[in-house]
């Protein structure tokens, strides 16, 4: 273990002590509930009796069930829930709507005792092969937008699930489930029920009670619908973690904000995460879901000196340290564009949004089609692709003719929105492979046409095209009659597009 990691874990242990956080306990620990704690007891069972080794937590302390499935937990009276980390091989417990319900209200704020038991149902097949869909930012502001979400996205997700066959599938609502109008949570729940798969939810900055005097109160309505803001569960070989990285400094009680939200993981959450990950073997795949990405590089593409506090996790180094022993992926949304980043260890996936550019048309402001990400897991191998709403699964490239980009008037342009450095993007002229296209930062021509200027898009005129790093360029040959672009992803899948009008 590196000196940096030792120092960090020492810091977390000191933080945990200050918070009253015990170390990770295994088996059925001795209950040492003090005057200000809640003595929680219960049992986790399956069809054949008690389940051993299941983590149970209040979001501060973590314990595990003993051989008979029983556990004891000295819980904080300030924590609203007791919940478990659902192990591999078992269904995610859900509400009738399909949103996850792996928690019980603590209901003992004044101290004393509480009981919380859980019964788990085995999956009907092995989950070493499974899949999940990440839906970033549905962000519906009105009943009409919620209906559009249900009319467009829901049937598309249903078809994507059918195409995955008999794999166990779950969904992830990646935050900004609504756009400040929290009464629309019920519409989101209805959409999840229609999609027909269990869903976990991360909290987004537009899912908050903005009149709350501080961060804990800002998620009160979210908790009423979806339970804890951070938690974990297993599927096959993968350990999944949902985190709350939206910090709300609060209002002054008169409807005035005391400051803007920003990306941050508080000390209690990091201390919990240290305990949670201590139960996971080094080297295992760990997939973390957040709303705000650890670091969006949009600021670099815009020529700015530093990222906005709203576009990064300020203390992301702490998260990187905890994830260092694992094969880690961090999946987020928030910035309404598609990006992959590898610079700090974990593979960071920033996923284009369900709503595109806030329900103004078919694309995000980087030209990524509105849609969601599909991940397929086979053992410890994770593969992914982006799914454009209303388009076939192989719609992964959009090609433009010469002149579509006014900054590159003599070049063909292709937007390969899910590309990373290990994609191969080439172009053909009249059936002959001509060469590799050059990757550069630029503005997507369709986004320019739909979003650029003070008068469009009509619905939200503040939307503007944003520079993206997933554009590819090639010199245009006026003598070529037929041109095509081929893009091959790291998983060997090849996609084809031909330059067409930028009038999408």
Protein backbone atom coordinates (compact mmCIF):
# COMPACT_ATOMS: atom_id res chain seq x y z
CA UNK A 1 0.00 0.00 0.00
CA UNK A 2 1.37 3.41 -0.95
CA UNK A 3 2.20 6.07 1.62
CA UNK A 4 -0.50 8.27 0.08
CA UNK A 5 -3.15 5.59 0.51
CA UNK A 6 -2.01 4.84 4.09
CA UNK A 7 -2.24 8.52 4.94
CA UNK A 8 -5.66 8.78 3.33
CA UNK A 9 -7.05 5.78 5.19
CA UNK A 10 -5.60 7.17 8.40
CA UNK A 11 -7.44 10.42 7.67
CA UNK A 12 -10.67 8.51 7.08
CA UNK A 13 -10.26 6.53 10.29
CA UNK A 14 -9.82 9.78 12.22
CA UNK A 15 -12.82 11.26 10.44
CA UNK A 16 -14.81 8.14 11.26
CA UNK A 17 -13.84 8.39 14.92
CA UNK A 18 -15.02 11.97 15.01
CA UNK A 19 -18.32 10.86 13.48
CA UNK A 20 -18.70 7.93 15.83
CA UNK A 21 -18.04 5.46 13.02
CA UNK A 22 -16.92 2.00 14.16
CA UNK A 23 -14.66 -0.14 12.03
CA UNK A 24 -16.04 -2.81 9.76
CA UNK A 25 -17.42 -5.69 11.77
CA UNK A 26 -17.72 -9.23 10.46
CA UNK A 27 -20.07 -11.96 11.56
CA UNK A 28 -22.51 -10.90 14.28
CA UNK A 29 -20.67 -8.20 16.23
CA UNK A 30 -21.17 -7.39 19.87
CA UNK A 31 -23.72 -4.61 20.08
CA UNK A 32 -22.37 -1.60 21.93
CA UNK A 33 -25.18 0.90 21.50
CA UNK A 34 -24.54 3.95 23.60
CA UNK A 35 -27.10 6.35 24.98
CA UNK A 36 -27.22 8.29 21.74
CA UNK A 37 -27.31 5.32 19.36
CA UNK A 38 -30.09 3.04 18.20
CA UNK A 39 -29.66 -0.68 18.86
CA UNK A 40 -30.84 -2.19 15.59
CA UNK A 41 -31.31 -5.94 15.26
CA UNK A 42 -32.69 -8.01 12.44
CA UNK A 43 -32.18 -10.89 10.06
CA UNK A 44 -31.52 -11.24 6.34
CA UNK A 45 -33.06 -14.39 4.90
CA UNK A 46 -33.55 -16.21 1.62
CA UNK A 47 -35.80 -19.16 0.79
CA UNK A 48 -33.51 -21.54 2.70
CA UNK A 49 -33.03 -19.46 5.83
CA UNK A 50 -30.49 -16.93 7.00
CA UNK A 51 -27.87 -15.45 4.66
CA UNK A 52 -24.36 -15.02 6.05
CA UNK A 53 -22.01 -12.15 5.26
CA UNK A 54 -24.54 -9.64 3.94
CA UNK A 55 -23.44 -6.04 4.68
CA UNK A 56 -25.97 -3.96 6.60
CA UNK A 57 -25.55 -0.24 7.27
CA UNK A 58 -27.18 2.97 8.41
CA UNK A 59 -24.92 4.92 6.03
CA UNK A 60 -22.36 5.47 8.78
CA UNK A 61 -21.48 2.10 10.32
CA UNK A 62 -21.26 -1.15 8.35
CA UNK A 63 -21.69 -4.64 9.80
CA UNK A 64 -22.32 -8.11 8.34
CA UNK A 65 -24.82 -10.82 9.07
CA UNK A 66 -23.73 -13.91 10.98
CA UNK A 67 -24.18 -17.58 9.97
CA UNK A 68 -27.90 -17.48 10.75
CA UNK A 69 -28.44 -14.21 8.90
CA UNK A 70 -28.79 -12.13 12.06
CA UNK A 71 -27.04 -8.85 12.63
CA UNK A 72 -26.70 -6.17 15.28
CA UNK A 73 -25.91 -2.56 14.51
CA UNK A 74 -25.30 0.47 16.71
CA UNK A 75 -26.91 3.01 14.39
CA UNK A 76 -26.87 6.76 14.49
CA UNK A 77 -30.28 8.19 15.47
CA UNK A 78 -29.71 10.91 12.87
CA UNK A 79 -29.74 8.40 10.02
CA UNK A 80 -33.17 7.84 8.42
CA UNK A 81 -32.65 4.28 7.16
CA UNK A 82 -31.09 0.90 7.79
CA UNK A 83 -30.28 -0.86 4.54
CA UNK A 84 -28.35 -3.73 3.07
CA UNK A 85 -25.97 -4.30 0.17
CA UNK A 86 -27.87 -6.86 -1.91
CA UNK A 87 -25.52 -9.76 -2.75
CA UNK A 88 -25.04 -11.36 -6.15
CA UNK A 89 -27.62 -13.92 -7.14
CA UNK A 90 -30.58 -12.12 -5.57
CA UNK A 91 -33.20 -9.79 -6.98
CA UNK A 92 -33.04 -6.13 -6.08
CA UNK A 93 -36.06 -5.60 -3.81
CA UNK A 94 -38.34 -2.97 -5.32
CA UNK A 95 -41.40 -0.87 -4.76
CA UNK A 96 -44.40 -1.72 -6.92
CA UNK A 97 -43.11 0.86 -9.38
CA UNK A 98 -39.78 -0.94 -9.81
CA UNK A 99 -37.56 1.54 -7.96
CA UNK A 100 -35.23 -0.20 -5.52
CA UNK A 101 -36.35 -0.73 -1.92
CA UNK A 102 -33.50 -2.38 -0.02
CA UNK A 103 -33.99 -0.17 3.07
CA UNK A 104 -36.17 0.17 6.16
CA UNK A 105 -36.95 3.44 7.98
CA UNK A 106 -34.97 3.63 11.19
CA UNK A 107 -37.77 5.38 13.05
CA UNK A 108 -36.03 5.77 16.41
CA UNK A 109 -34.64 9.29 16.41
CA UNK A 110 -34.60 9.53 20.19
CA UNK A 111 -32.40 6.47 20.68
CA UNK A 112 -33.56 3.09 21.97
CA UNK A 113 -34.05 0.01 19.83
CA UNK A 114 -35.31 -0.85 16.36
CA UNK A 115 -35.81 -3.95 14.23
CA UNK A 116 -35.19 -4.22 10.51
CA UNK A 117 -35.28 -7.55 8.69
CA UNK A 118 -35.01 -8.29 4.98
CA UNK A 119 -36.09 -11.25 2.86
CA UNK A 120 -34.31 -11.71 -0.47
CA UNK A 121 -35.50 -13.63 -3.52
CA UNK A 122 -32.99 -15.49 -5.73
CA UNK A 123 -32.73 -14.53 -9.38
CA UNK A 124 -34.08 -17.15 -11.76
CA UNK A 125 -30.68 -17.48 -13.46
CA UNK A 126 -26.99 -16.88 -12.78
CA UNK A 127 -26.00 -13.21 -12.90
CA UNK A 128 -22.35 -13.58 -13.96
CA UNK A 129 -23.68 -12.30 -17.27
CA UNK A 130 -25.89 -9.29 -16.69
CA UNK A 131 -26.52 -5.80 -18.02
CA UNK A 132 -27.51 -2.34 -16.93
CA UNK A 133 -28.80 0.80 -18.61
CA UNK A 134 -27.65 4.23 -17.44
CA UNK A 135 -30.24 6.95 -18.06
CA UNK A 136 -28.64 10.34 -17.44
CA UNK A 137 -30.78 13.42 -16.86
CA UNK A 138 -34.38 12.76 -17.89
CA UNK A 139 -34.73 16.28 -16.45
CA UNK A 140 -38.42 16.81 -17.14
CA UNK A 141 -39.70 20.25 -16.17
CA UNK A 142 -43.35 19.94 -17.16
CA UNK A 143 -46.03 17.29 -17.44
CA UNK A 144 -45.64 17.50 -21.23
CA UNK A 145 -41.91 16.71 -21.01
CA UNK A 146 -42.62 13.84 -18.65
CA UNK A 147 -45.10 12.48 -21.19
CA UNK A 148 -42.47 12.85 -23.91
CA UNK A 149 -40.05 10.85 -21.74
CA UNK A 150 -42.67 8.14 -21.36
CA UNK A 151 -43.64 8.18 -25.04
CA UNK A 152 -40.09 8.15 -26.46
CA UNK A 153 -37.65 6.70 -23.94
CA UNK A 154 -39.78 4.05 -22.27
CA UNK A 155 -40.53 1.98 -25.41
CA UNK A 156 -36.92 2.37 -26.54
CA UNK A 157 -35.70 0.97 -23.21
CA UNK A 158 -38.22 -1.87 -23.41
CA UNK A 159 -36.83 -2.82 -26.82
CA UNK A 160 -33.23 -2.57 -25.59
CA UNK A 161 -34.05 -4.90 -22.68
CA UNK A 162 -35.64 -7.41 -25.05
CA UNK A 163 -32.54 -7.31 -27.24
CA UNK A 164 -30.38 -8.26 -24.22
CA UNK A 165 -32.13 -11.63 -24.02
CA UNK A 166 -32.31 -13.46 -20.72
CA UNK A 167 -29.55 -11.54 -18.94
CA UNK A 168 -30.65 -10.01 -15.63
CA UNK A 169 -30.94 -6.27 -16.33
CA UNK A 170 -31.26 -3.27 -14.04
CA UNK A 171 -31.57 0.42 -14.76
CA UNK A 172 -29.87 3.45 -13.25
CA UNK A 173 -31.51 6.85 -13.04
CA UNK A 174 -28.36 8.96 -13.14
CA UNK A 175 -29.77 12.04 -11.40
CA UNK A 176 -31.74 15.07 -12.52
CA UNK A 177 -34.69 12.74 -12.73
CA UNK A 178 -36.75 15.93 -12.92
CA UNK A 179 -35.96 19.62 -13.49
CA UNK A 180 -36.68 21.29 -10.11
CA UNK A 181 -40.36 20.26 -10.21
CA UNK A 182 -40.27 17.53 -7.57
CA UNK A 183 -43.95 16.66 -7.99
CA UNK A 184 -42.87 14.98 -11.24
CA UNK A 185 -41.05 12.24 -9.29
CA UNK A 186 -44.32 10.30 -9.45
CA UNK A 187 -44.22 10.50 -13.26
CA UNK A 188 -40.66 9.18 -13.25
CA UNK A 189 -41.79 6.29 -11.04
CA UNK A 190 -44.61 5.52 -13.47
CA UNK A 191 -42.09 5.47 -16.33
CA UNK A 192 -39.86 3.05 -14.42
CA UNK A 193 -42.82 0.77 -13.82
CA UNK A 194 -43.52 0.75 -17.57
CA UNK A 195 -39.89 -0.06 -18.37
CA UNK A 196 -40.27 -3.26 -16.37
CA UNK A 197 -36.80 -3.60 -14.80
CA UNK A 198 -35.56 -2.67 -11.32
CA UNK A 199 -34.06 0.82 -11.10
CA UNK A 200 -31.62 2.44 -8.70
CA UNK A 201 -31.40 6.24 -8.53
CA UNK A 202 -28.65 8.79 -7.93
CA UNK A 203 -29.61 12.24 -6.74
CA UNK A 204 -28.99 15.17 -9.09
CA UNK A 205 -28.75 18.90 -8.54
CA UNK A 206 -32.25 19.39 -10.01
CA UNK A 207 -33.72 16.79 -7.62
CA UNK A 208 -33.19 18.97 -4.53
CA UNK A 209 -35.38 20.92 -2.13
CA UNK A 210 -33.83 24.32 -2.77
CA UNK A 211 -35.52 25.92 0.24
CA UNK A 212 -33.62 23.59 2.60
CA UNK A 213 -31.29 25.40 5.03
CA UNK A 214 -28.49 22.91 4.35
CA UNK A 215 -27.36 19.86 2.44
CA UNK A 216 -29.08 17.07 4.45
CA UNK A 217 -32.50 18.65 4.09
CA UNK A 218 -32.08 19.22 0.37
CA UNK A 219 -32.70 15.55 -0.40
CA UNK A 220 -35.78 15.13 1.82
CA UNK A 221 -38.23 14.65 -1.05
CA UNK A 222 -35.79 12.41 -2.94
CA UNK A 223 -35.48 10.20 0.17
CA UNK A 224 -39.26 9.95 0.52
CA UNK A 225 -39.45 8.46 -2.97
CA UNK A 226 -36.17 6.58 -3.38
CA UNK A 227 -34.57 6.01 0.03
CA UNK A 228 -30.87 6.49 0.87
CA UNK A 229 -28.72 8.81 -1.22
CA UNK A 230 -25.76 6.38 -1.24
CA UNK A 231 -25.57 2.59 -1.09
CA UNK A 232 -24.09 -0.47 -2.80
CA UNK A 233 -25.06 -3.87 -4.22
CA UNK A 234 -23.49 -6.75 -6.16
CA UNK A 235 -24.27 -8.35 -9.50
CA UNK A 236 -22.12 -11.26 -10.58
CA UNK A 237 -18.46 -10.33 -10.09
CA UNK A 238 -19.16 -6.59 -10.02
CA UNK A 239 -19.61 -4.41 -6.96
CA UNK A 240 -21.85 -1.41 -7.68
CA UNK A 241 -21.90 1.81 -5.65
CA UNK A 242 -24.29 4.77 -5.92
CA UNK A 243 -22.96 8.02 -4.44
CA UNK A 244 -24.43 11.45 -3.71
CA UNK A 245 -21.92 14.00 -4.99
CA UNK A 246 -24.21 17.06 -5.07
CA UNK A 247 -23.56 19.39 -2.13
CA UNK A 248 -26.16 22.07 -1.43
CA UNK A 249 -24.98 24.92 0.84
CA UNK A 250 -28.57 25.89 1.61
CA UNK A 251 -30.93 28.83 1.59
CA UNK A 252 -31.41 31.59 4.15
CA UNK A 253 -35.04 30.68 4.81
CA UNK A 254 -36.37 33.49 2.61
CA UNK A 255 -35.99 31.73 -0.72
CA UNK A 256 -32.49 33.09 -1.28
CA UNK A 257 -29.61 30.72 -2.00
CA UNK A 258 -26.53 31.09 0.20
CA UNK A 259 -24.36 29.69 -2.60
CA UNK A 260 -24.44 27.46 -5.66
CA UNK A 261 -24.40 23.67 -5.52
CA UNK A 262 -21.08 22.00 -6.16
CA UNK A 263 -19.63 18.55 -6.57
CA UNK A 264 -18.45 17.11 -3.26
CA UNK A 265 -18.42 13.84 -1.29
CA UNK A 266 -18.86 14.53 2.41
CA UNK A 267 -16.70 12.92 5.10
CA UNK A 268 -19.45 10.61 6.39
CA UNK A 269 -20.03 9.21 2.90
CA UNK A 270 -16.32 8.64 2.31
CA UNK A 271 -15.97 6.92 5.68
CA UNK A 272 -18.91 4.67 4.79
CA UNK A 273 -17.38 3.95 1.38
CA UNK A 274 -14.08 2.95 2.97
CA UNK A 275 -15.93 0.37 5.07
CA UNK A 276 -18.04 -0.81 2.16
CA UNK A 277 -15.04 -1.34 -0.12
CA UNK A 278 -13.07 -3.08 2.65
CA UNK A 279 -15.43 -6.02 2.09
CA UNK A 280 -14.59 -6.18 -1.64
CA UNK A 281 -11.59 -8.20 -2.88
CA UNK A 282 -8.79 -6.20 -4.51
CA UNK A 283 -8.87 -6.39 -8.27
CA UNK A 284 -12.62 -6.89 -8.58
CA UNK A 285 -14.60 -4.67 -10.95
CA UNK A 286 -16.23 -1.78 -9.08
CA UNK A 287 -18.69 0.47 -10.90
CA UNK A 288 -19.59 3.76 -9.22
CA UNK A 289 -22.62 5.81 -10.25
CA UNK A 290 -22.64 9.54 -9.57
CA UNK A 291 -24.51 12.50 -11.03
CA UNK A 292 -21.70 15.06 -11.33
CA UNK A 293 -18.62 13.58 -13.05
CA UNK A 294 -15.35 13.54 -11.12
CA UNK A 295 -14.00 15.95 -13.74
CA UNK A 296 -15.66 17.13 -16.94
CA UNK A 297 -13.04 18.43 -19.36
CA UNK A 298 -15.55 20.79 -21.01
CA UNK A 299 -13.69 23.74 -19.50
CA UNK A 300 -10.50 22.77 -21.38
CA UNK A 301 -12.36 22.52 -24.68
CA UNK A 302 -13.84 25.97 -24.05
CA UNK A 303 -10.40 27.42 -23.34
CA UNK A 304 -11.08 28.09 -19.65
CA UNK A 305 -8.39 27.93 -16.99
CA UNK A 306 -10.24 25.81 -14.42
CA UNK A 307 -13.39 23.71 -14.13
CA UNK A 308 -16.58 25.04 -12.61
CA UNK A 309 -17.36 23.83 -9.09
CA UNK A 310 -20.56 22.48 -10.63
CA UNK A 311 -18.75 20.30 -13.19
CA UNK A 312 -16.39 18.29 -10.99
CA UNK A 313 -16.11 16.58 -7.61
CA UNK A 314 -13.88 18.93 -5.65
CA UNK A 315 -12.41 16.18 -3.46
CA UNK A 316 -12.32 13.53 -6.20
CA UNK A 317 -8.77 12.53 -5.19
CA UNK A 318 -10.25 10.89 -2.10
CA UNK A 319 -12.54 8.80 -4.31
CA UNK A 320 -9.66 7.84 -6.60
CA UNK A 321 -7.62 6.65 -3.60
CA UNK A 322 -10.42 4.40 -2.37
CA UNK A 323 -10.93 2.93 -5.84
CA UNK A 324 -7.24 2.38 -6.52
CA UNK A 325 -7.18 -1.35 -5.59
CA UNK A 326 -10.02 -2.15 -8.00
CA UNK A 327 -10.81 -2.30 -11.71
CA UNK A 328 -12.95 0.79 -11.41
CA UNK A 329 -15.41 2.63 -13.64
CA UNK A 330 -17.24 5.83 -12.68
CA UNK A 331 -20.41 6.51 -14.66
CA UNK A 332 -22.11 9.91 -14.52
CA UNK A 333 -24.21 12.38 -16.50
CA UNK A 334 -24.98 16.02 -15.64
CA UNK A 335 -23.14 17.88 -18.41
CA UNK A 336 -25.34 16.86 -21.38
CA UNK A 337 -22.56 15.46 -23.52
CA UNK A 338 -20.67 12.20 -24.02
CA UNK A 339 -17.07 11.80 -22.87
CA UNK A 340 -14.59 9.18 -21.67
CA UNK A 341 -11.70 10.10 -19.38
CA UNK A 342 -8.84 7.91 -18.10
CA UNK A 343 -6.36 10.38 -16.62
CA UNK A 344 -6.65 9.60 -12.90
CA UNK A 345 -7.00 5.82 -12.77
CA UNK A 346 -10.66 4.86 -13.02
CA UNK A 347 -12.33 4.92 -16.41
CA UNK A 348 -14.75 7.84 -16.18
CA UNK A 349 -17.81 7.59 -18.42
CA UNK A 350 -19.81 10.79 -18.89
CA UNK A 351 -23.04 9.77 -20.60
CA UNK A 352 -25.14 11.82 -22.98
CA UNK A 353 -28.61 12.61 -21.71
CA UNK A 354 -32.08 11.20 -22.13
CA UNK A 355 -33.38 14.73 -22.66
CA UNK A 356 -30.62 15.75 -25.09
CA UNK A 357 -30.35 19.54 -24.86
CA UNK A 358 -33.23 19.88 -22.39
CA UNK A 359 -35.94 18.44 -24.67
CA UNK A 360 -35.23 20.92 -27.48
CA UNK A 361 -34.53 18.38 -30.22
CA UNK A 362 -32.75 15.13 -31.12
CA UNK A 363 -29.19 15.91 -29.93
CA UNK A 364 -27.20 17.11 -26.96
CA UNK A 365 -25.19 20.27 -27.51
CA UNK A 366 -22.10 18.21 -28.50
CA UNK A 367 -24.11 16.42 -31.20
CA UNK A 368 -24.56 13.20 -29.21
CA UNK A 369 -28.09 11.90 -29.88
CA UNK A 370 -30.38 11.98 -26.90
CA UNK A 371 -30.31 8.52 -25.39
CA UNK A 372 -28.64 6.39 -22.74
CA UNK A 373 -25.80 3.92 -22.23
CA UNK A 374 -26.07 0.12 -22.34
CA UNK A 375 -23.51 -1.94 -20.42
CA UNK A 376 -23.08 -5.71 -20.77
CA UNK A 377 -21.07 -7.61 -18.16
CA UNK A 378 -19.57 -11.03 -18.69
CA UNK A 379 -17.74 -12.17 -15.56
CA UNK A 380 -15.28 -9.38 -14.79
CA UNK A 381 -15.40 -7.94 -18.33
CA UNK A 382 -17.48 -4.81 -18.94
CA UNK A 383 -18.53 -3.67 -22.44
CA UNK A 384 -20.60 -0.63 -23.32
CA UNK A 385 -22.26 1.28 -26.13
CA UNK A 386 -24.41 4.36 -26.44
CA UNK A 387 -28.05 3.86 -27.48
CA UNK A 388 -29.66 6.73 -29.38
CA UNK A 389 -33.36 7.01 -28.62
CA UNK A 390 -35.45 5.94 -31.57
CA UNK A 391 -32.50 4.69 -33.61
CA UNK A 392 -31.03 1.24 -34.20
CA UNK A 393 -28.27 -0.01 -31.92
CA UNK A 394 -25.70 0.48 -34.71
CA UNK A 395 -26.35 4.23 -34.94
CA UNK A 396 -22.97 5.27 -33.53
CA UNK A 397 -21.63 7.71 -36.15
CA UNK A 398 -22.97 10.75 -37.98
CA UNK A 399 -21.02 11.88 -41.06
CA UNK A 400 -21.21 15.32 -42.70
CA UNK A 401 -20.22 16.50 -46.18
CA UNK A 402 -17.47 18.95 -47.02
CA UNK A 403 -18.39 22.44 -45.87
CA UNK A 404 -20.61 21.34 -42.99
CA UNK A 405 -18.02 22.70 -40.53
CA UNK A 406 -17.22 26.31 -41.49
CA UNK A 407 -13.89 26.03 -39.60
CA UNK A 408 -12.92 23.09 -41.84
CA UNK A 409 -14.50 23.93 -45.22
CA UNK A 410 -12.45 21.43 -47.20
CA UNK A 411 -12.96 18.40 -44.94
CA UNK A 412 -15.47 15.69 -44.28
CA UNK A 413 -16.52 15.47 -40.64
CA UNK A 414 -17.75 12.55 -38.54
CA UNK A 415 -19.12 12.69 -35.00
CA UNK A 416 -18.29 9.41 -33.21
CA UNK A 417 -19.87 10.29 -29.89
CA UNK A 418 -18.80 7.25 -27.85
CA UNK A 419 -15.22 7.17 -29.16
CA UNK A 420 -12.13 6.69 -27.05
CA UNK A 421 -8.50 6.61 -28.16
CA UNK A 422 -8.77 2.87 -28.90
CA UNK A 423 -11.44 3.33 -31.57
CA UNK A 424 -10.36 3.14 -35.21
CA UNK A 425 -12.06 5.69 -37.49
CA UNK A 426 -11.24 5.53 -41.22
CA UNK A 427 -12.78 6.75 -44.45
CA UNK A 428 -13.28 5.14 -47.86
CA UNK A 429 -13.53 6.77 -51.28
CA UNK A 430 -15.34 4.76 -53.95
CA UNK A 431 -14.77 1.55 -51.98
CA UNK A 432 -11.06 2.12 -51.37
CA UNK A 433 -9.77 2.64 -47.84
CA UNK A 434 -8.10 6.05 -47.89
CA UNK A 435 -6.80 6.55 -44.37
CA UNK A 436 -7.46 7.26 -40.71
CA UNK A 437 -9.49 10.34 -39.88
CA UNK A 438 -7.91 12.91 -37.55
CA UNK A 439 -9.53 13.56 -34.19
CA UNK A 440 -9.95 17.24 -33.29
CA UNK A 441 -11.99 19.49 -31.05
CA UNK A 442 -14.81 21.29 -32.82
CA UNK A 443 -18.53 22.06 -32.93
CA UNK A 444 -20.94 19.45 -34.26
CA UNK A 445 -22.65 20.78 -37.42
CA UNK A 446 -26.10 19.53 -36.43
CA UNK A 447 -25.80 21.14 -33.03
CA UNK A 448 -24.70 24.40 -34.66
CA UNK A 449 -27.65 24.35 -36.98
CA UNK A 450 -30.14 23.67 -34.18
CA UNK A 451 -28.64 25.55 -31.24
CA UNK A 452 -26.34 28.38 -32.36
CA UNK A 453 -27.46 31.98 -31.95
CA UNK A 454 -29.59 34.06 -29.63
CA UNK A 455 -32.93 33.00 -31.11
CA UNK A 456 -32.69 29.23 -31.04
CA UNK A 457 -33.59 26.73 -29.96
CA UNK A 458 -36.94 28.40 -29.41
CA UNK A 459 -37.71 26.47 -26.22
CA UNK A 460 -34.43 27.37 -24.46
CA UNK A 461 -32.50 30.05 -26.32
CA UNK A 462 -29.64 29.77 -23.81
CA UNK A 463 -28.63 26.39 -25.28
CA UNK A 464 -25.54 26.75 -27.49
CA UNK A 465 -23.33 24.20 -29.28
CA UNK A 466 -20.33 23.21 -27.18
CA UNK A 467 -16.87 22.09 -28.32
CA UNK A 468 -16.43 18.34 -28.31
CA UNK A 469 -13.38 16.10 -28.68
CA UNK A 470 -15.16 13.29 -30.54
CA UNK A 471 -15.14 14.83 -34.02
CA UNK A 472 -13.05 13.26 -36.81
CA UNK A 473 -11.88 15.00 -39.99
CA UNK A 474 -10.59 13.95 -43.41
CA UNK A 475 -9.66 16.01 -46.50
CA UNK A 476 -12.54 16.06 -48.96
CA UNK A 477 -11.86 14.72 -52.46
CA UNK A 478 -14.18 16.39 -54.99
CA UNK A 479 -13.59 13.50 -57.42
CA UNK A 480 -14.90 10.85 -55.03
CA UNK A 481 -18.42 9.70 -55.91
CA UNK A 482 -19.06 7.58 -52.84
CA UNK A 483 -17.66 8.21 -49.38
CA UNK A 484 -18.20 6.25 -46.22
CA UNK A 485 -16.86 6.39 -42.68
CA UNK A 486 -16.16 3.23 -40.69
CA UNK A 487 -15.68 3.38 -36.93
CA UNK A 488 -14.60 0.28 -34.99
CA UNK A 489 -14.94 0.22 -31.21
CA UNK A 490 -12.66 -1.60 -28.71
CA UNK A 491 -15.02 -4.58 -28.72
CA UNK A 492 -14.63 -5.22 -32.45
CA UNK A 493 -17.96 -3.77 -33.55
CA UNK A 494 -17.83 -1.70 -36.76
CA UNK A 495 -20.31 1.05 -37.60
CA UNK A 496 -20.79 2.78 -40.94
CA UNK A 497 -22.02 6.24 -41.92
CA UNK A 498 -22.03 8.25 -45.15
CA UNK A 499 -21.79 12.04 -45.37
CA UNK A 500 -25.21 13.59 -45.67
CA UNK A 501 -26.83 16.96 -45.13
CA UNK A 502 -26.29 18.71 -41.84
CA UNK A 503 -29.96 19.53 -41.76
CA UNK A 504 -30.82 16.87 -39.16
